[in-house]
Amino acid sequence: MSEITYAEGDATAPRGGGVKIIAHVCNDLGGWGKGFVLALSRRWPEPEAAFRRWHRERARNDFGLGAAQFVPVDPSVWVANMVGQRGIRTAGSTAVPVRYEAIDAALGLLAGKALELGASVHMPRIGCGLAGGEWSRVEPLVVERLVAQGIPVTVYDFDRKRP
């Protein structure tokens, strides 16, 4: 079994050939305005537009914790909007919005899509930014759901010192 590849760089510019899926975690409020999603929106408008529509029409679709939406942004690049956090952090609150079971469920859906497309998966340390999660709890989920099925995974750590 292969392992996760860790790389310094921008997850919105995935490395390597073939089909690639960029995965990230979203909240269940339909909010899109802080964190990694800003980098996605700077590169492509489609993931945000699709996410907002998915949330707006949630009474008629599968939107909710553990769901995943796959948005093509280029002939060989897709974005996976994965709902893995309940709400958002509020000022003064110590509660974290990450929901590991929801990330796990969404990773299962991501695995199915990656296998269908023959894609590699690229991501920041999902659920560990604004969602407040711990990579030590997310990494085993990524390994179990993706790496164990032979799906190549690259996790990017953004170098904030670069312009």
Protein backbone atom coordinates (compact mmCIF):
# COMPACT_ATOMS: atom_id res chain seq x y z
CA MET A 1 0.00 0.00 0.00
CA SER A 2 1.28 3.46 -0.83
CA GLU A 3 1.29 6.35 1.58
CA ILE A 4 0.12 9.94 1.46
CA THR A 5 2.56 12.22 -0.36
CA TYR A 6 3.16 15.49 1.49
CA ALA A 7 4.22 18.51 -0.55
CA GLU A 8 4.80 22.19 0.03
CA GLY A 9 2.67 24.26 -2.30
CA ASP A 10 -0.79 25.26 -3.40
CA ALA A 11 -3.46 22.56 -3.47
CA THR A 12 -5.31 24.55 -6.15
CA ALA A 13 -2.37 23.82 -8.48
CA PRO A 14 -2.17 20.03 -8.15
CA ARG A 15 0.97 18.33 -9.42
CA GLY A 16 1.26 15.38 -11.75
CA GLY A 17 -0.54 14.11 -14.79
CA GLY A 18 -3.91 12.56 -15.35
CA VAL A 19 -7.24 13.43 -13.80
CA LYS A 20 -7.03 15.17 -10.43
CA ILE A 21 -9.66 15.88 -7.76
CA ILE A 22 -9.03 18.75 -5.33
CA ALA A 23 -10.83 17.94 -2.08
CA HIS A 24 -11.75 20.35 0.70
CA VAL A 25 -14.20 20.62 3.59
CA CYS A 26 -17.21 22.95 3.62
CA ASN A 27 -19.70 23.88 6.32
CA ASP A 28 -23.37 22.91 6.45
CA LEU A 29 -24.57 26.54 6.58
CA GLY A 30 -23.81 27.22 2.93
CA GLY A 31 -21.13 29.74 3.86
CA TRP A 32 -18.21 30.25 1.49
CA GLY A 33 -15.97 33.16 2.36
CA LYS A 34 -12.92 32.23 4.46
CA GLY A 35 -10.01 29.86 4.28
CA PHE A 36 -9.13 27.54 1.41
CA VAL A 37 -12.34 28.30 -0.50
CA LEU A 38 -11.01 31.78 -1.25
CA ALA A 39 -8.07 30.25 -3.12
CA LEU A 40 -10.46 27.99 -5.03
CA SER A 41 -12.68 30.93 -5.98
CA ARG A 42 -9.69 32.95 -7.19
CA ARG A 43 -8.85 30.14 -9.60
CA TRP A 44 -12.33 28.96 -10.67
CA PRO A 45 -15.85 30.35 -10.11
CA GLU A 46 -17.64 27.01 -10.62
CA PRO A 47 -17.05 25.33 -7.21
CA GLU A 48 -18.51 28.27 -5.26
CA ALA A 49 -21.47 28.70 -7.62
CA ALA A 50 -22.23 24.97 -7.51
CA PHE A 51 -21.90 24.84 -3.70
CA ARG A 52 -24.20 27.82 -3.17
CA ARG A 53 -26.79 26.33 -5.56
CA TRP A 54 -26.48 22.92 -3.86
CA HIS A 55 -27.13 24.54 -0.46
CA ARG A 56 -29.93 26.77 -1.73
CA GLU A 57 -31.73 23.75 -3.25
CA ARG A 58 -30.98 21.45 -0.29
CA ALA A 59 -34.64 20.57 0.27
CA ARG A 60 -34.47 18.72 -3.07
CA ASN A 61 -31.00 17.16 -2.96
CA ASP A 62 -28.46 15.35 -0.75
CA PHE A 63 -26.80 18.43 0.81
CA GLY A 64 -25.85 17.82 4.44
CA LEU A 65 -23.11 16.53 6.69
CA GLY A 66 -21.17 13.76 4.97
CA ALA A 67 -22.29 14.67 1.46
CA ALA A 68 -19.92 15.48 -1.39
CA GLN A 69 -20.40 17.40 -4.60
CA PHE A 70 -18.05 16.98 -7.56
CA VAL A 71 -17.54 19.97 -9.81
CA PRO A 72 -15.51 19.81 -13.05
CA VAL A 73 -13.37 22.93 -13.49
CA ASP A 74 -11.04 21.83 -16.27
CA PRO A 75 -10.96 18.79 -18.56
CA SER A 76 -8.64 17.02 -16.09
CA VAL A 77 -9.45 18.76 -12.79
CA TRP A 78 -12.46 18.39 -10.49
CA VAL A 79 -13.21 19.98 -7.12
CA ALA A 80 -14.85 17.95 -4.35
CA ASN A 81 -16.98 20.12 -2.05
CA MET A 82 -17.28 17.89 1.04
CA VAL A 83 -19.62 18.89 3.87
CA GLY A 84 -17.61 18.06 6.97
CA GLN A 85 -18.28 20.77 9.48
CA ARG A 86 -21.35 21.78 11.47
CA GLY A 87 -21.68 25.54 11.35
CA ILE A 88 -18.71 27.85 11.74
CA ARG A 89 -16.53 29.05 14.58
CA THR A 90 -17.90 32.06 16.38
CA ALA A 91 -15.96 34.64 18.34
CA GLY A 92 -15.25 33.48 21.87
CA SER A 93 -16.46 29.94 21.29
CA THR A 94 -14.23 27.00 22.14
CA ALA A 95 -16.40 24.53 20.20
CA VAL A 96 -14.93 23.28 16.94
CA PRO A 97 -17.22 22.74 13.94
CA VAL A 98 -15.32 19.77 12.43
CA ARG A 99 -17.30 16.53 12.25
CA TYR A 100 -14.95 13.63 11.70
CA GLU A 101 -17.74 11.17 10.90
CA ALA A 102 -18.98 13.52 8.17
CA ILE A 103 -15.47 13.84 6.71
CA ASP A 104 -15.20 10.05 6.76
CA ALA A 105 -18.51 9.65 4.90
CA ALA A 106 -17.56 12.30 2.33
CA LEU A 107 -14.16 10.65 1.82
CA GLY A 108 -16.01 7.42 1.00
CA LEU A 109 -17.93 9.25 -1.73
CA LEU A 110 -14.68 10.84 -2.91
CA ALA A 111 -13.06 7.41 -3.19
CA GLY A 112 -15.88 6.22 -5.44
CA LYS A 113 -15.52 9.24 -7.72
CA ALA A 114 -11.72 8.98 -7.84
CA LEU A 115 -11.92 5.30 -8.80
CA GLU A 116 -14.58 6.06 -11.43
CA LEU A 117 -12.41 8.77 -13.00
CA GLY A 118 -9.06 7.07 -12.43
CA ALA A 119 -8.08 10.24 -10.56
CA SER A 120 -5.53 11.19 -7.96
CA VAL A 121 -6.69 13.26 -4.97
CA HIS A 122 -5.11 16.54 -3.86
CA MET A 123 -5.99 18.50 -0.71
CA PRO A 124 -4.85 20.80 2.03
CA ARG A 125 -5.04 19.28 5.53
CA ILE A 126 -8.82 19.05 5.27
CA GLY A 127 -10.87 19.87 8.33
CA CYS A 128 -7.86 21.32 10.15
CA GLY A 129 -8.11 25.01 9.30
CA LEU A 130 -11.23 26.96 10.14
CA ALA A 131 -13.06 23.72 11.02
CA GLY A 132 -10.65 23.28 13.95
CA GLY A 133 -9.86 19.61 13.42
CA GLU A 134 -6.68 17.71 14.19
CA TRP A 135 -4.72 16.12 11.36
CA SER A 136 -3.88 13.18 13.65
CA ARG A 137 -7.60 12.30 13.47
CA VAL A 138 -8.18 13.14 9.79
CA GLU A 139 -5.09 11.45 8.33
CA PRO A 140 -6.18 7.90 9.28
CA LEU A 141 -9.54 8.53 7.56
CA VAL A 142 -7.73 9.60 4.37
CA VAL A 143 -5.52 6.51 4.54
CA GLU A 144 -8.45 4.14 5.17
CA ARG A 145 -10.84 5.60 2.59
CA LEU A 146 -8.43 6.58 -0.20
CA VAL A 147 -4.87 5.28 0.13
CA ALA A 148 -5.99 1.76 1.09
CA GLN A 149 -7.90 1.60 -2.22
CA GLY A 150 -4.81 2.52 -4.21
CA ILE A 151 -5.84 6.12 -4.83
CA PRO A 152 -2.80 8.43 -4.95
CA VAL A 153 -3.20 11.27 -2.43
CA THR A 154 -1.11 14.42 -2.13
CA VAL A 155 -1.55 16.74 0.86
CA TYR A 156 -0.26 20.27 0.38
CA ASP A 157 1.10 22.55 3.06
CA PHE A 158 0.97 26.10 1.76
CA ASP A 159 4.14 28.12 2.29
CA ARG A 160 2.77 31.40 3.63
CA LYS A 161 6.13 33.14 3.13
CA ARG A 162 5.71 33.13 -0.64
CA PRO A 163 4.06 36.12 -2.34
